[in-house]
């Protein structure tokens, strides 16, 4: 009987911490995606040529600032792209100095571990 009470108490405590961590994670406050307070270093990239246009793409799967930075850095590796990713809107705005195909953008997002919504 006492063993059962101890096991139930342990399960309640573990469940409490799991729920609390999940809530922080989905609010973008937890340590997800390599978290630990910022493992990703944001790379700002200005365009080297004049801007010829912009594209906006919706991105799914981002939960924290590390996610945002990972997607932004991956998009910024595309030649002729300077990206700004908005975590709350779940979208990236791409400033373009050349024509960039949707496949190039999709590959960059998928290489970062996310999807075009």
C-alpha atoms as a PDB file:
ATOM      1  CA  UNK A   1       0.000   0.000   0.000  1.00  0.00           C
ATOM      2  CA  UNK A   2       2.745   2.492   0.923  1.00  0.00           C
ATOM      3  CA  UNK A   3       4.709   1.526  -2.181  1.00  0.00           C
ATOM      4  CA  UNK A   4       1.683   2.343  -4.338  1.00  0.00           C
ATOM      5  CA  UNK A   5       1.307   5.775  -2.708  1.00  0.00           C
ATOM      6  CA  UNK A   6       5.021   6.524  -3.245  1.00  0.00           C
ATOM      7  CA  UNK A   7       4.821   5.496  -6.901  1.00  0.00           C
ATOM      8  CA  UNK A   8       1.713   7.628  -7.472  1.00  0.00           C
ATOM      9  CA  UNK A   9       3.382  10.600  -5.761  1.00  0.00           C
ATOM     10  CA  UNK A  10       6.460  10.212  -7.992  1.00  0.00           C
ATOM     11  CA  UNK A  11       4.294  10.033 -11.107  1.00  0.00           C
ATOM     12  CA  UNK A  12       2.433  13.200 -10.080  1.00  0.00           C
ATOM     13  CA  UNK A  13       5.721  15.081  -9.544  1.00  0.00           C
ATOM     14  CA  UNK A  14       7.153  13.879 -12.863  1.00  0.00           C
ATOM     15  CA  UNK A  15       3.905  14.771 -14.640  1.00  0.00           C
ATOM     16  CA  UNK A  16       3.932  18.259 -13.118  1.00  0.00           C
ATOM     17  CA  UNK A  17       7.446  19.007 -14.397  1.00  0.00           C
ATOM     18  CA  UNK A  18       6.680  17.514 -17.810  1.00  0.00           C
ATOM     19  CA  UNK A  19       3.583  19.687 -18.243  1.00  0.00           C
ATOM     20  CA  UNK A  20       5.393  22.805 -17.014  1.00  0.00           C
ATOM     21  CA  UNK A  21       8.263  22.189 -19.447  1.00  0.00           C
ATOM     22  CA  UNK A  22       5.850  21.580 -22.322  1.00  0.00           C
ATOM     23  CA  UNK A  23       4.000  24.816 -21.653  1.00  0.00           C
ATOM     24  CA  UNK A  24       7.270  26.786 -21.693  1.00  0.00           C
ATOM     25  CA  UNK A  25       8.334  24.990 -24.865  1.00  0.00           C
ATOM     26  CA  UNK A  26       5.178  25.848 -26.793  1.00  0.00           C
ATOM     27  CA  UNK A  27       5.284  29.467 -25.600  1.00  0.00           C
ATOM     28  CA  UNK A  28       8.818  29.684 -27.035  1.00  0.00           C
ATOM     29  CA  UNK A  29      10.390  30.118 -23.604  1.00  0.00           C
ATOM     30  CA  UNK A  30      11.869  26.677 -23.084  1.00  0.00           C
ATOM     31  CA  UNK A  31      15.139  25.116 -24.104  1.00  0.00           C
ATOM     32  CA  UNK A  32      14.227  23.424 -27.355  1.00  0.00           C
ATOM     33  CA  UNK A  33      16.130  22.820 -30.555  1.00  0.00           C
ATOM     34  CA  UNK A  34      19.514  22.820 -28.919  1.00  0.00           C
ATOM     35  CA  UNK A  35      18.248  25.480 -26.494  1.00  0.00           C
ATOM     36  CA  UNK A  36      20.320  26.160 -23.439  1.00  0.00           C
ATOM     37  CA  UNK A  37      19.904  29.882 -23.896  1.00  0.00           C
ATOM     38  CA  UNK A  38      21.085  30.468 -27.428  1.00  0.00           C
ATOM     39  CA  UNK A  39      23.381  27.944 -29.082  1.00  0.00           C
ATOM     40  CA  UNK A  40      22.711  29.416 -32.503  1.00  0.00           C
ATOM     41  CA  UNK A  41      24.558  32.550 -33.566  1.00  0.00           C
ATOM     42  CA  UNK A  42      22.478  34.880 -35.712  1.00  0.00           C
ATOM     43  CA  UNK A  43      24.128  35.874 -38.961  1.00  0.00           C
ATOM     44  CA  UNK A  44      22.965  39.196 -40.407  1.00  0.00           C
ATOM     45  CA  UNK A  45      23.500  39.338 -44.151  1.00  0.00           C
ATOM     46  CA  UNK A  46      23.170  42.509 -46.210  1.00  0.00           C
ATOM     47  CA  UNK A  47      22.590  42.160 -49.942  1.00  0.00           C
ATOM     48  CA  UNK A  48      25.681  42.809 -52.046  1.00  0.00           C
ATOM     49  CA  UNK A  49      23.598  43.824 -55.087  1.00  0.00           C
ATOM     50  CA  UNK A  50      20.503  46.055 -55.384  1.00  0.00           C
ATOM     51  CA  UNK A  51      17.248  44.512 -54.170  1.00  0.00           C
ATOM     52  CA  UNK A  52      14.960  43.409 -57.007  1.00  0.00           C
ATOM     53  CA  UNK A  53      12.101  42.105 -54.905  1.00  0.00           C
ATOM     54  CA  UNK A  54      10.875  40.304 -51.807  1.00  0.00           C
ATOM     55  CA  UNK A  55       9.149  37.015 -51.027  1.00  0.00           C
ATOM     56  CA  UNK A  56       7.319  35.996 -47.874  1.00  0.00           C
ATOM     57  CA  UNK A  57       7.023  32.330 -46.908  1.00  0.00           C
ATOM     58  CA  UNK A  58       5.198  30.684 -44.010  1.00  0.00           C
ATOM     59  CA  UNK A  59       7.285  28.222 -42.015  1.00  0.00           C
ATOM     60  CA  UNK A  60       6.012  25.499 -39.700  1.00  0.00           C
ATOM     61  CA  UNK A  61       7.788  23.856 -36.807  1.00  0.00           C
ATOM     62  CA  UNK A  62       9.528  26.853 -35.227  1.00  0.00           C
ATOM     63  CA  UNK A  63       9.062  27.072 -31.453  1.00  0.00           C
ATOM     64  CA  UNK A  64      11.857  29.282 -30.099  1.00  0.00           C
ATOM     65  CA  UNK A  65      14.474  31.863 -30.997  1.00  0.00           C
ATOM     66  CA  UNK A  66      16.988  29.104 -31.796  1.00  0.00           C
ATOM     67  CA  UNK A  67      14.528  27.779 -34.388  1.00  0.00           C
ATOM     68  CA  UNK A  68      14.150  31.266 -35.875  1.00  0.00           C
ATOM     69  CA  UNK A  69      17.897  31.813 -36.072  1.00  0.00           C
ATOM     70  CA  UNK A  70      18.507  28.362 -37.584  1.00  0.00           C
ATOM     71  CA  UNK A  71      15.978  29.058 -40.386  1.00  0.00           C
ATOM     72  CA  UNK A  72      17.255  32.593 -40.957  1.00  0.00           C
ATOM     73  CA  UNK A  73      20.877  31.466 -41.200  1.00  0.00           C
ATOM     74  CA  UNK A  74      19.959  28.674 -43.612  1.00  0.00           C
ATOM     75  CA  UNK A  75      18.058  31.089 -45.867  1.00  0.00           C
ATOM     76  CA  UNK A  76      20.904  33.606 -45.695  1.00  0.00           C
ATOM     77  CA  UNK A  77      23.247  30.962 -47.141  1.00  0.00           C
ATOM     78  CA  UNK A  78      21.366  31.248 -50.447  1.00  0.00           C
ATOM     79  CA  UNK A  79      23.232  33.545 -52.817  1.00  0.00           C
ATOM     80  CA  UNK A  80      21.265  36.753 -53.381  1.00  0.00           C
ATOM     81  CA  UNK A  81      19.041  36.388 -50.291  1.00  0.00           C
ATOM     82  CA  UNK A  82      18.888  38.401 -47.090  1.00  0.00           C
ATOM     83  CA  UNK A  83      16.296  36.879 -44.765  1.00  0.00           C
ATOM     84  CA  UNK A  84      14.377  38.171 -41.759  1.00  0.00           C
ATOM     85  CA  UNK A  85      12.440  35.480 -39.873  1.00  0.00           C
ATOM     86  CA  UNK A  86       9.560  36.382 -37.556  1.00  0.00           C
ATOM     87  CA  UNK A  87       8.926  33.699 -34.935  1.00  0.00           C
ATOM     88  CA  UNK A  88       5.510  34.998 -33.845  1.00  0.00           C
ATOM     89  CA  UNK A  89       4.182  35.240 -37.404  1.00  0.00           C
ATOM     90  CA  UNK A  90       5.936  31.962 -38.350  1.00  0.00           C
ATOM     91  CA  UNK A  91       7.176  33.509 -41.579  1.00  0.00           C
ATOM     92  CA  UNK A  92      10.310  34.622 -43.360  1.00  0.00           C
ATOM     93  CA  UNK A  93      10.660  37.739 -45.476  1.00  0.00           C
ATOM     94  CA  UNK A  94      13.314  37.307 -48.137  1.00  0.00           C
ATOM     95  CA  UNK A  95      14.961  40.342 -49.698  1.00  0.00           C
ATOM     96  CA  UNK A  96      16.261  39.274 -53.108  1.00  0.00           C
ATOM     97  CA  UNK A  97      19.018  40.606 -55.330  1.00  0.00           C
ATOM     98  CA  UNK A  98      18.386  37.854 -57.928  1.00  0.00           C
ATOM     99  CA  UNK A  99      15.611  35.478 -58.953  1.00  0.00           C
ATOM    100  CA  UNK A 100      15.398  32.684 -56.375  1.00  0.00           C
ATOM    101  CA  UNK A 101      13.289  29.594 -57.033  1.00  0.00           C
ATOM    102  CA  UNK A 102      10.765  28.211 -54.588  1.00  0.00           C
ATOM    103  CA  UNK A 103      12.764  24.948 -54.607  1.00  0.00           C
ATOM    104  CA  UNK A 104      15.896  26.764 -53.395  1.00  0.00           C
ATOM    105  CA  UNK A 105      13.912  28.307 -50.555  1.00  0.00           C
ATOM    106  CA  UNK A 106      12.212  25.008 -49.676  1.00  0.00           C
ATOM    107  CA  UNK A 107      15.568  23.156 -49.613  1.00  0.00           C
ATOM    108  CA  UNK A 108      17.101  25.764 -47.302  1.00  0.00           C
ATOM    109  CA  UNK A 109      14.160  25.577 -44.886  1.00  0.00           C
ATOM    110  CA  UNK A 110      14.137  21.767 -44.951  1.00  0.00           C
ATOM    111  CA  UNK A 111      17.928  21.628 -44.448  1.00  0.00           C
ATOM    112  CA  UNK A 112      17.364  23.648 -41.267  1.00  0.00           C
ATOM    113  CA  UNK A 113      14.838  21.014 -40.131  1.00  0.00           C
ATOM    114  CA  UNK A 114      11.563  22.853 -40.812  1.00  0.00           C
ATOM    115  CA  UNK A 115       8.868  22.996 -43.493  1.00  0.00           C
ATOM    116  CA  UNK A 116       7.236  25.563 -45.727  1.00  0.00           C
ATOM    117  CA  UNK A 117       3.636  25.806 -44.467  1.00  0.00           C
END
